[in-house]
Amino acid sequence: MDENVFLVSLFEHKAWCNRRLLETLRAAPADVDRGGWIVVLFTVDHTANVDQIFKARLEDAEPDLPNTVARAMPDLDALAERMAALDAWFIDYARRVTPAELAEPVDFTFVDDAAPGRMTRGDILAHLITHGAAHRGAIGKTLADLGVRGVSEMVTTFRRVEG
């Protein structure tokens, strides 16, 4: 839908950032500090888990994850596949969601603490954009502390590179 161009752009940018982050992680030296690396992987996985949980909410389904933080070390390749699939789903959803649907409230129970939640579909999408960006920023700082050069996430770079 033409009215969703901005929303689609936000999710395209998010997908681009996620791809670049995963490329950076794949290229990181094998001898990177293990403690910092674990924090990075669990944080990336957490963002994918939150996306997966809220995708279920937008589909009016129950999420198939018991919490937002993994219990075991995430596998980078599996994580990359899952994130790519989630990003593609959200781009498609952003293309087809109507303004009326964006205003619809979604009632749910938070998975980590069982507290009741209520957000509009639009609020959920806004949360996913800002949640992912905040965690990618923290990951970037951690990577810098580990001596791993990150990549720009700026929208200006995205537009220059992706058109």
C-alpha atoms as a PDB file:
ATOM      1  CA  MET A   1       0.000   0.000   0.000  1.00  0.00           C
ATOM      2  CA  ASP A   2       1.283   3.449  -0.887  1.00  0.00           C
ATOM      3  CA  GLU A   3       0.471   4.856   2.545  1.00  0.00           C
ATOM      4  CA  ASN A   4       2.841   2.339   4.139  1.00  0.00           C
ATOM      5  CA  VAL A   5       5.980   3.439   2.277  1.00  0.00           C
ATOM      6  CA  PHE A   6       7.534   4.922   5.420  1.00  0.00           C
ATOM      7  CA  LEU A   7       6.709   1.891   7.556  1.00  0.00           C
ATOM      8  CA  VAL A   8       8.081  -0.473   4.920  1.00  0.00           C
ATOM      9  CA  SER A   9      11.233   1.656   4.727  1.00  0.00           C
ATOM     10  CA  LEU A  10      11.758   1.342   8.481  1.00  0.00           C
ATOM     11  CA  PHE A  11      11.577  -2.447   8.310  1.00  0.00           C
ATOM     12  CA  GLU A  12      13.786  -2.576   5.218  1.00  0.00           C
ATOM     13  CA  HIS A  13      16.345  -0.519   7.126  1.00  0.00           C
ATOM     14  CA  LYS A  14      16.043  -2.850  10.118  1.00  0.00           C
ATOM     15  CA  ALA A  15      16.620  -5.894   7.883  1.00  0.00           C
ATOM     16  CA  TRP A  16      19.640  -4.203   6.269  1.00  0.00           C
ATOM     17  CA  CYS A  17      21.102  -3.430   9.704  1.00  0.00           C
ATOM     18  CA  ASN A  18      20.532  -7.000  10.853  1.00  0.00           C
ATOM     19  CA  ARG A  19      22.223  -8.433   7.740  1.00  0.00           C
ATOM     20  CA  ARG A  20      25.242  -6.169   8.184  1.00  0.00           C
ATOM     21  CA  LEU A  21      25.496  -7.002  11.869  1.00  0.00           C
ATOM     22  CA  LEU A  22      25.431 -10.720  11.132  1.00  0.00           C
ATOM     23  CA  GLU A  23      28.084 -10.267   8.421  1.00  0.00           C
ATOM     24  CA  THR A  24      30.239  -8.470  10.986  1.00  0.00           C
ATOM     25  CA  LEU A  25      29.769 -11.286  13.485  1.00  0.00           C
ATOM     26  CA  ARG A  26      30.670 -13.914  10.898  1.00  0.00           C
ATOM     27  CA  ALA A  27      33.862 -11.997  10.040  1.00  0.00           C
ATOM     28  CA  ALA A  28      34.934 -11.472  13.657  1.00  0.00           C
ATOM     29  CA  PRO A  29      38.273 -12.990  14.668  1.00  0.00           C
ATOM     30  CA  ALA A  30      38.072 -16.447  16.215  1.00  0.00           C
ATOM     31  CA  ASP A  31      40.088 -15.288  19.228  1.00  0.00           C
ATOM     32  CA  VAL A  32      37.654 -12.551  20.287  1.00  0.00           C
ATOM     33  CA  ASP A  33      37.022 -12.392  24.049  1.00  0.00           C
ATOM     34  CA  ARG A  34      34.591 -15.196  24.843  1.00  0.00           C
ATOM     35  CA  GLY A  35      32.695 -13.328  27.564  1.00  0.00           C
ATOM     36  CA  GLY A  36      31.966 -10.336  25.356  1.00  0.00           C
ATOM     37  CA  TRP A  37      31.119 -12.574  22.427  1.00  0.00           C
ATOM     38  CA  ILE A  38      28.544 -14.447  24.493  1.00  0.00           C
ATOM     39  CA  VAL A  39      26.898 -11.160  25.476  1.00  0.00           C
ATOM     40  CA  VAL A  40      26.721 -10.149  21.812  1.00  0.00           C
ATOM     41  CA  LEU A  41      25.200 -13.436  20.642  1.00  0.00           C
ATOM     42  CA  PHE A  42      22.638 -13.585  23.426  1.00  0.00           C
ATOM     43  CA  THR A  43      21.648  -9.980  22.753  1.00  0.00           C
ATOM     44  CA  VAL A  44      21.219 -10.564  19.022  1.00  0.00           C
ATOM     45  CA  ASP A  45      19.199 -13.678  19.814  1.00  0.00           C
ATOM     46  CA  HIS A  46      17.079 -11.723  22.295  1.00  0.00           C
ATOM     47  CA  THR A  47      16.108  -9.215  19.599  1.00  0.00           C
ATOM     48  CA  ALA A  48      15.087 -12.063  17.288  1.00  0.00           C
ATOM     49  CA  ASN A  49      13.087 -13.667  20.107  1.00  0.00           C
ATOM     50  CA  VAL A  50      11.190 -10.442  20.760  1.00  0.00           C
ATOM     51  CA  ASP A  51      10.495 -10.098  17.029  1.00  0.00           C
ATOM     52  CA  GLN A  52       9.241 -13.702  16.935  1.00  0.00           C
ATOM     53  CA  ILE A  53       7.011 -13.215  19.958  1.00  0.00           C
ATOM     54  CA  PHE A  54       5.423 -10.055  18.600  1.00  0.00           C
ATOM     55  CA  LYS A  55       5.050 -11.610  15.135  1.00  0.00           C
ATOM     56  CA  ALA A  56       2.889 -14.239  16.825  1.00  0.00           C
ATOM     57  CA  ARG A  57       0.912 -11.490  18.541  1.00  0.00           C
ATOM     58  CA  LEU A  58       0.296  -9.766  15.194  1.00  0.00           C
ATOM     59  CA  GLU A  59      -0.891 -13.114  13.795  1.00  0.00           C
ATOM     60  CA  ASP A  60      -3.277 -13.472  16.763  1.00  0.00           C
ATOM     61  CA  ALA A  61      -1.335 -16.544  17.872  1.00  0.00           C
ATOM     62  CA  GLU A  62       0.476 -17.602  20.994  1.00  0.00           C
ATOM     63  CA  PRO A  63       4.259 -17.324  20.723  1.00  0.00           C
ATOM     64  CA  ASP A  64       6.194 -20.570  20.784  1.00  0.00           C
ATOM     65  CA  LEU A  65       8.947 -19.168  23.016  1.00  0.00           C
ATOM     66  CA  PRO A  66       8.816 -19.420  26.807  1.00  0.00           C
ATOM     67  CA  ASN A  67      10.987 -16.301  27.344  1.00  0.00           C
ATOM     68  CA  THR A  68      12.942 -13.605  25.516  1.00  0.00           C
ATOM     69  CA  VAL A  69      16.397 -14.863  26.490  1.00  0.00           C
ATOM     70  CA  ALA A  70      17.791 -18.174  25.238  1.00  0.00           C
ATOM     71  CA  ARG A  71      18.769 -20.870  27.706  1.00  0.00           C
ATOM     72  CA  ALA A  72      21.592 -22.151  25.487  1.00  0.00           C
ATOM     73  CA  MET A  73      24.262 -20.498  23.355  1.00  0.00           C
ATOM     74  CA  PRO A  74      22.660 -19.353  20.084  1.00  0.00           C
ATOM     75  CA  ASP A  75      24.061 -20.740  16.833  1.00  0.00           C
ATOM     76  CA  LEU A  76      25.029 -17.842  14.556  1.00  0.00           C
ATOM     77  CA  ASP A  77      23.946 -19.526  11.304  1.00  0.00           C
ATOM     78  CA  ALA A  78      20.559 -20.582  12.669  1.00  0.00           C
ATOM     79  CA  LEU A  79      20.102 -17.124  14.158  1.00  0.00           C
ATOM     80  CA  ALA A  80      20.893 -15.481  10.813  1.00  0.00           C
ATOM     81  CA  GLU A  81      18.311 -17.667   9.038  1.00  0.00           C
ATOM     82  CA  ARG A  82      15.660 -16.932  11.632  1.00  0.00           C
ATOM     83  CA  MET A  83      16.334 -13.193  11.557  1.00  0.00           C
ATOM     84  CA  ALA A  84      16.184 -13.090   7.749  1.00  0.00           C
ATOM     85  CA  ALA A  85      12.825 -14.882   7.796  1.00  0.00           C
ATOM     86  CA  LEU A  86      11.463 -12.573  10.489  1.00  0.00           C
ATOM     87  CA  ASP A  87      12.700  -9.465   8.680  1.00  0.00           C
ATOM     88  CA  ALA A  88      11.061 -10.635   5.439  1.00  0.00           C
ATOM     89  CA  TRP A  89       7.793 -11.294   7.284  1.00  0.00           C
ATOM     90  CA  PHE A  90       7.780  -7.831   8.868  1.00  0.00           C
ATOM     91  CA  ILE A  91       8.519  -6.110   5.549  1.00  0.00           C
ATOM     92  CA  ASP A  92       5.607  -7.994   3.983  1.00  0.00           C
ATOM     93  CA  TYR A  93       3.365  -7.201   6.956  1.00  0.00           C
ATOM     94  CA  ALA A  94       4.282  -3.503   6.752  1.00  0.00           C
ATOM     95  CA  ARG A  95       3.326  -3.525   3.065  1.00  0.00           C
ATOM     96  CA  ARG A  96      -0.115  -5.036   3.640  1.00  0.00           C
ATOM     97  CA  VAL A  97      -1.267  -3.708   7.023  1.00  0.00           C
ATOM     98  CA  THR A  98      -4.006  -1.101   6.788  1.00  0.00           C
ATOM     99  CA  PRO A  99      -4.211   2.101   8.829  1.00  0.00           C
ATOM    100  CA  ALA A 100      -7.296   0.716  10.569  1.00  0.00           C
ATOM    101  CA  GLU A 101      -5.391  -2.444  11.518  1.00  0.00           C
ATOM    102  CA  LEU A 102      -2.479  -0.379  12.858  1.00  0.00           C
ATOM    103  CA  ALA A 103      -4.916   1.211  15.305  1.00  0.00           C
ATOM    104  CA  GLU A 104      -6.304  -2.133  16.523  1.00  0.00           C
ATOM    105  CA  PRO A 105      -5.376  -3.072  20.084  1.00  0.00           C
ATOM    106  CA  VAL A 106      -3.767  -6.436  20.748  1.00  0.00           C
ATOM    107  CA  ASP A 107      -4.166  -7.930  24.215  1.00  0.00           C
ATOM    108  CA  PHE A 108      -1.510 -10.400  25.338  1.00  0.00           C
ATOM    109  CA  THR A 109       0.488 -11.719  28.261  1.00  0.00           C
ATOM    110  CA  PHE A 110       4.200 -10.919  28.429  1.00  0.00           C
ATOM    111  CA  VAL A 111       6.194 -14.140  28.267  1.00  0.00           C
ATOM    112  CA  ASP A 112       8.912 -13.226  30.775  1.00  0.00           C
ATOM    113  CA  ASP A 113       6.762 -12.125  33.706  1.00  0.00           C
ATOM    114  CA  ALA A 114       3.183 -13.081  32.731  1.00  0.00           C
ATOM    115  CA  ALA A 115       2.048  -9.458  33.110  1.00  0.00           C
ATOM    116  CA  PRO A 116      -0.898  -8.413  30.968  1.00  0.00           C
ATOM    117  CA  GLY A 117      -0.083  -6.285  27.952  1.00  0.00           C
ATOM    118  CA  ARG A 118      -2.014  -4.220  25.466  1.00  0.00           C
ATOM    119  CA  MET A 119      -0.582  -2.386  22.496  1.00  0.00           C
ATOM    120  CA  THR A 120      -1.927  -1.380  19.133  1.00  0.00           C
ATOM    121  CA  ARG A 121      -0.489  -3.143  16.118  1.00  0.00           C
ATOM    122  CA  GLY A 122       1.232   0.130  15.272  1.00  0.00           C
ATOM    123  CA  ASP A 123       2.707   0.329  18.772  1.00  0.00           C
ATOM    124  CA  ILE A 124       4.069  -3.195  18.378  1.00  0.00           C
ATOM    125  CA  LEU A 125       5.762  -2.287  15.100  1.00  0.00           C
ATOM    126  CA  ALA A 126       7.226   0.885  16.625  1.00  0.00           C
ATOM    127  CA  HIS A 127       8.499  -1.129  19.574  1.00  0.00           C
ATOM    128  CA  LEU A 128      10.237  -3.624  17.298  1.00  0.00           C
ATOM    129  CA  ILE A 129      11.980  -0.874  15.335  1.00  0.00           C
ATOM    130  CA  THR A 130      13.241   0.916  18.461  1.00  0.00           C
ATOM    131  CA  HIS A 131      13.981  -2.267  20.425  1.00  0.00           C
ATOM    132  CA  GLY A 132      16.186  -3.662  17.674  1.00  0.00           C
ATOM    133  CA  ALA A 133      17.960  -0.337  17.146  1.00  0.00           C
ATOM    134  CA  ALA A 134      18.677   0.095  20.851  1.00  0.00           C
ATOM    135  CA  HIS A 135      20.162  -3.372  21.168  1.00  0.00           C
ATOM    136  CA  ARG A 136      22.179  -3.047  17.961  1.00  0.00           C
ATOM    137  CA  GLY A 137      23.653   0.154  19.386  1.00  0.00           C
ATOM    138  CA  ALA A 138      24.684  -1.637  22.573  1.00  0.00           C
ATOM    139  CA  ILE A 139      26.084  -4.505  20.505  1.00  0.00           C
ATOM    140  CA  GLY A 140      28.110  -2.027  18.476  1.00  0.00           C
ATOM    141  CA  LYS A 141      29.660  -0.640  21.642  1.00  0.00           C
ATOM    142  CA  THR A 142      30.467  -4.139  22.891  1.00  0.00           C
ATOM    143  CA  LEU A 143      32.008  -5.059  19.543  1.00  0.00           C
ATOM    144  CA  ALA A 144      34.153  -1.917  19.641  1.00  0.00           C
ATOM    145  CA  ASP A 145      35.299  -2.871  23.146  1.00  0.00           C
ATOM    146  CA  LEU A 146      36.227  -6.304  21.740  1.00  0.00           C
ATOM    147  CA  GLY A 147      38.232  -4.716  18.929  1.00  0.00           C
ATOM    148  CA  VAL A 148      35.722  -5.762  16.254  1.00  0.00           C
ATOM    149  CA  ARG A 149      34.913  -3.023  13.795  1.00  0.00           C
ATOM    150  CA  GLY A 150      31.184  -2.593  13.351  1.00  0.00           C
ATOM    151  CA  VAL A 151      29.285  -1.042  10.469  1.00  0.00           C
ATOM    152  CA  SER A 152      27.253   2.106  10.045  1.00  0.00           C
ATOM    153  CA  GLU A 153      23.537   1.802  10.641  1.00  0.00           C
ATOM    154  CA  MET A 154      22.739   5.318   9.561  1.00  0.00           C
ATOM    155  CA  VAL A 155      19.688   5.764   7.362  1.00  0.00           C
ATOM    156  CA  THR A 156      21.813   8.041   5.168  1.00  0.00           C
ATOM    157  CA  THR A 157      24.225   5.158   4.539  1.00  0.00           C
ATOM    158  CA  PHE A 158      21.316   2.779   3.927  1.00  0.00           C
ATOM    159  CA  ARG A 159      19.799   5.139   1.358  1.00  0.00           C
ATOM    160  CA  ARG A 160      23.150   5.754  -0.340  1.00  0.00           C
ATOM    161  CA  VAL A 161      23.968   2.031  -0.543  1.00  0.00           C
ATOM    162  CA  GLU A 162      20.495   0.584  -1.107  1.00  0.00           C
ATOM    163  CA  GLY A 163      18.970   3.491  -3.041  1.00  0.00           C
END
